[in-house]
Every structure is written in structure tokens, then in C-alpha cells.
């Protein structure tokens, strides 16, 4: 690949990232939340994000997406950073068997790339569940549409703007 093509590819990636972040910002503003989006050196993992913003790992709201096997729809599980989703519990809550959501499904239905999936600003409405562990904090941090951007939000506000059902699904 030539240097010029590499530059154009990087530019397209930056435009996609800014569109994603702008959708998150617009969703937060529409919910009448005055929230700052913070750039980090990288927040692809909960550990990286926690280190970047100076919080505990469990204060990171991971966006875990599964594919409903029956519906074909993406289903969002907002999970405390130190927890893992139990596929069995998640399937029971979802009311259908769940499979792995591939990058194409995630991009098509949410508009985000893996590593930067935000809890808000999706291209299509998404069914969501919230880990009760996240409600134990004054603030949690979530991806803002890119692997390098995050925002802090009160768990009650996160639940309200996502419409997520608070339910146990970790194992």
C-alpha cells in the first residue's frame, strides 16, 4: 500500500471515529446531560480505561454485545469491568439463545467498531441490560464511540438513557 493510500485510510478511520463520537455526544445532549468526553491514550480494555481515568476496574461499564439467535438482533449487556457475562444467564434474560456478535453485525446495528461500542448513540434501537454492580458507584465510565474516548456518567442516568433493565447476568 502506498503512503498516500495509508494516509487516506487513516483519514477515513478518523472521520468514522468522529462520527461515532458525535452520535454519542448528541445522544447525551438529547438526554439533557452535560457530560465531558475524555480522550485517553487507549481504553480498549477495562483495565486500560480504569488506569487512564483513575478509577476502579468495576467502574468501567463494558459494552458487551451478543447476537440473538432467533431475532438476529444485537443485544447489549452493560457490565462492570471486573465482571464477565454468563452466556446462560444472559440468554435467559434475553428470552432467546445468544451467539457471538461478529464485527460486521456490531458495526451494522450499532454503528460502532469493537473496542469503542458506546452504550448510547446506536444506529438502531438496541435492547440493553445493566449489571447491578454498576449501580453501586456514584459514577461509571463508558466508551464514547472510539477506543480512545470515554465519559463518566451516574449509573441512574446511564440506566435512564439506555432504557436498560437492571438484572444479574454475570457469573
Protein backbone atom coordinates (compact mmCIF):
# COMPACT_ATOMS: atom_id res chain seq x y z
CA UNK A 1 0.00 0.00 0.00
CA UNK A 2 1.33 3.43 -0.85
CA UNK A 3 1.89 6.14 1.70
CA UNK A 4 -0.95 8.19 0.16
CA UNK A 5 -3.41 5.29 0.50
CA UNK A 6 -2.34 4.75 4.08
CA UNK A 7 -3.00 8.42 4.80
CA UNK A 8 -6.43 8.26 3.15
CA UNK A 9 -7.24 5.12 5.14
CA UNK A 10 -6.25 6.81 8.38
CA UNK A 11 -8.31 9.85 7.46
CA UNK A 12 -11.37 7.70 6.78
CA UNK A 13 -10.87 5.99 10.12
CA UNK A 14 -10.66 9.35 11.92
CA UNK A 15 -13.85 10.55 10.16
CA UNK A 16 -15.66 7.35 11.22
CA UNK A 17 -14.41 7.79 14.77
CA UNK A 18 -15.55 11.40 14.93
CA UNK A 19 -18.99 10.45 13.51
CA UNK A 20 -19.30 7.78 16.18
CA UNK A 21 -18.26 10.13 18.95
CA UNK A 22 -20.58 12.84 17.63
CA UNK A 23 -23.52 10.39 17.81
CA UNK A 24 -22.63 9.68 21.44
CA UNK A 25 -22.34 13.39 22.21
CA UNK A 26 -25.70 14.07 20.52
CA UNK A 27 -27.40 11.28 22.50
CA UNK A 28 -26.02 12.65 25.77
CA UNK A 29 -27.13 16.19 24.88
CA UNK A 30 -30.59 14.96 23.83
CA UNK A 31 -30.87 13.38 27.30
CA UNK A 32 -30.01 16.81 28.74
CA UNK A 33 -26.76 15.56 30.26
CA UNK A 34 -23.77 17.88 30.38
CA UNK A 35 -21.02 15.30 30.10
CA UNK A 36 -17.43 15.73 29.02
CA UNK A 37 -15.91 13.18 26.70
CA UNK A 38 -12.33 12.49 27.64
CA UNK A 39 -9.60 11.32 25.25
CA UNK A 40 -7.21 8.67 26.58
CA UNK A 41 -4.12 7.00 25.20
CA UNK A 42 -6.25 3.91 24.72
CA UNK A 43 -9.15 2.34 26.53
CA UNK A 44 -9.72 -0.90 24.63
CA UNK A 45 -9.83 -2.95 27.84
CA UNK A 46 -11.48 -2.22 31.17
CA UNK A 47 -8.06 -2.26 32.83
CA UNK A 48 -6.68 0.27 30.34
CA UNK A 49 -9.71 2.53 30.73
CA UNK A 50 -9.58 2.38 34.55
CA UNK A 51 -5.89 3.24 34.54
CA UNK A 52 -6.46 6.10 32.09
CA UNK A 53 -9.19 7.78 34.16
CA UNK A 54 -8.07 6.78 37.67
CA UNK A 55 -10.99 4.64 38.78
CA UNK A 56 -11.51 1.02 39.78
CA UNK A 57 -11.98 -1.59 37.08
CA UNK A 58 -15.57 -2.22 38.19
CA UNK A 59 -16.40 1.45 37.48
CA UNK A 60 -15.87 0.77 33.79
CA UNK A 61 -19.15 -0.01 32.03
CA UNK A 62 -18.15 -2.51 29.35
CA UNK A 63 -20.48 -2.76 26.36
CA UNK A 64 -20.77 -6.46 25.58
CA UNK A 65 -22.83 -7.30 22.51
CA UNK A 66 -24.40 -10.67 21.78
CA UNK A 67 -26.46 -11.70 18.77
CA UNK A 68 -29.94 -13.05 19.43
CA UNK A 69 -30.01 -16.39 17.59
CA UNK A 70 -33.76 -16.15 16.94
CA UNK A 71 -34.08 -12.41 16.32
CA UNK A 72 -30.71 -11.75 14.68
CA UNK A 73 -30.61 -8.53 16.69
CA UNK A 74 -27.72 -7.16 18.74
CA UNK A 75 -28.36 -7.22 22.48
CA UNK A 76 -26.28 -5.01 24.79
CA UNK A 77 -25.06 -6.08 28.23
CA UNK A 78 -23.52 -3.18 30.19
CA UNK A 79 -21.17 -4.98 32.52
CA UNK A 80 -18.91 -3.85 35.36
CA UNK A 81 -15.30 -4.03 34.19
CA UNK A 82 -14.29 -6.82 36.55
CA UNK A 83 -17.29 -9.00 35.72
CA UNK A 84 -17.90 -11.39 32.85
CA UNK A 85 -21.26 -12.04 31.22
CA UNK A 86 -22.63 -15.54 31.86
CA UNK A 87 -23.96 -16.66 28.47
CA UNK A 88 -26.57 -18.82 30.16
CA UNK A 89 -27.88 -16.01 32.41
CA UNK A 90 -27.79 -13.55 29.52
CA UNK A 91 -29.76 -15.91 27.25
CA UNK A 92 -32.37 -16.42 29.96
CA UNK A 93 -32.80 -12.66 30.35
CA UNK A 94 -32.92 -12.12 26.60
CA UNK A 95 -35.51 -14.86 26.19
CA UNK A 96 -33.64 -16.43 23.31
CA UNK A 97 -30.40 -18.32 22.68
CA UNK A 98 -27.45 -15.97 22.20
CA UNK A 99 -24.49 -16.25 19.90
CA UNK A 100 -21.34 -14.30 19.32
CA UNK A 101 -21.89 -10.97 17.59
CA UNK A 102 -19.29 -10.51 14.90
CA UNK A 103 -17.72 -7.18 13.98
CA UNK A 104 -19.99 -6.74 10.95
CA UNK A 105 -23.21 -7.18 12.96
CA UNK A 106 -21.95 -4.84 15.67
CA UNK A 107 -20.97 -2.18 13.14
CA UNK A 108 -24.21 -2.56 11.15
CA UNK A 109 -26.60 -2.39 14.10
CA UNK A 110 -24.77 -0.07 16.49
CA UNK A 111 -22.57 1.98 14.18
CA UNK A 112 -19.55 1.35 16.39
CA UNK A 113 -16.40 -0.70 15.95
CA UNK A 114 -15.44 -3.30 18.52
CA UNK A 115 -13.40 -1.62 21.25
CA UNK A 116 -15.38 1.60 21.16
CA UNK A 117 -19.02 0.49 21.45
CA UNK A 118 -20.84 3.13 23.46
CA UNK A 119 -23.99 2.49 25.48
CA UNK A 120 -25.79 5.28 23.57
CA UNK A 121 -25.80 6.73 20.06
CA UNK A 122 -26.58 3.48 18.25
CA UNK A 123 -27.79 3.50 14.66
CA UNK A 124 -30.76 1.32 15.62
CA UNK A 125 -32.59 0.95 18.92
CA UNK A 126 -30.96 -1.78 20.97
CA UNK A 127 -32.24 -3.89 23.82
CA UNK A 128 -30.00 -3.46 26.86
CA UNK A 129 -29.34 -4.92 30.30
CA UNK A 130 -27.34 -3.30 33.11
CA UNK A 131 -25.14 -5.16 35.60
CA UNK A 132 -26.35 -4.31 39.15
CA UNK A 133 -22.70 -3.91 40.20
CA UNK A 134 -22.57 -0.66 38.21
CA UNK A 135 -25.31 0.86 40.36
CA UNK A 136 -23.05 0.73 43.43
CA UNK A 137 -20.96 3.71 42.27
CA UNK A 138 -21.57 7.45 42.10
CA UNK A 139 -20.15 7.46 38.58
CA UNK A 140 -19.11 4.89 36.00
CA UNK A 141 -17.11 5.32 32.80
CA UNK A 142 -18.23 4.15 29.35
CA UNK A 143 -16.83 4.17 25.83
CA UNK A 144 -17.72 7.26 23.83
CA UNK A 145 -17.71 5.68 20.38
CA UNK A 146 -14.00 5.14 19.86
CA UNK A 147 -11.30 3.01 21.51
CA UNK A 148 -9.73 6.20 22.92
CA UNK A 149 -12.70 8.18 24.22
CA UNK A 150 -14.71 7.70 27.42
CA UNK A 151 -17.20 9.59 29.53
CA UNK A 152 -18.31 9.48 33.16
CA UNK A 153 -21.98 9.15 33.99
CA UNK A 154 -24.14 8.46 37.04
CA UNK A 155 -25.48 4.89 36.87
CA UNK A 156 -29.07 6.15 37.21
CA UNK A 157 -28.57 8.38 34.17
CA UNK A 158 -26.95 5.52 32.26
CA UNK A 159 -29.90 3.28 33.00
CA UNK A 160 -32.38 6.01 32.07
CA UNK A 161 -30.85 6.94 28.73
CA UNK A 162 -30.20 3.37 27.61
CA UNK A 163 -33.52 2.00 28.83
CA UNK A 164 -31.51 -0.91 30.19
CA UNK A 165 -33.12 -3.42 32.50
CA UNK A 166 -31.08 -3.80 35.69
CA UNK A 167 -30.65 -7.54 36.12
CA UNK A 168 -27.97 -10.03 37.18
CA UNK A 169 -26.29 -11.74 34.24
CA UNK A 170 -22.68 -12.24 35.36
CA UNK A 171 -21.13 -15.46 36.51
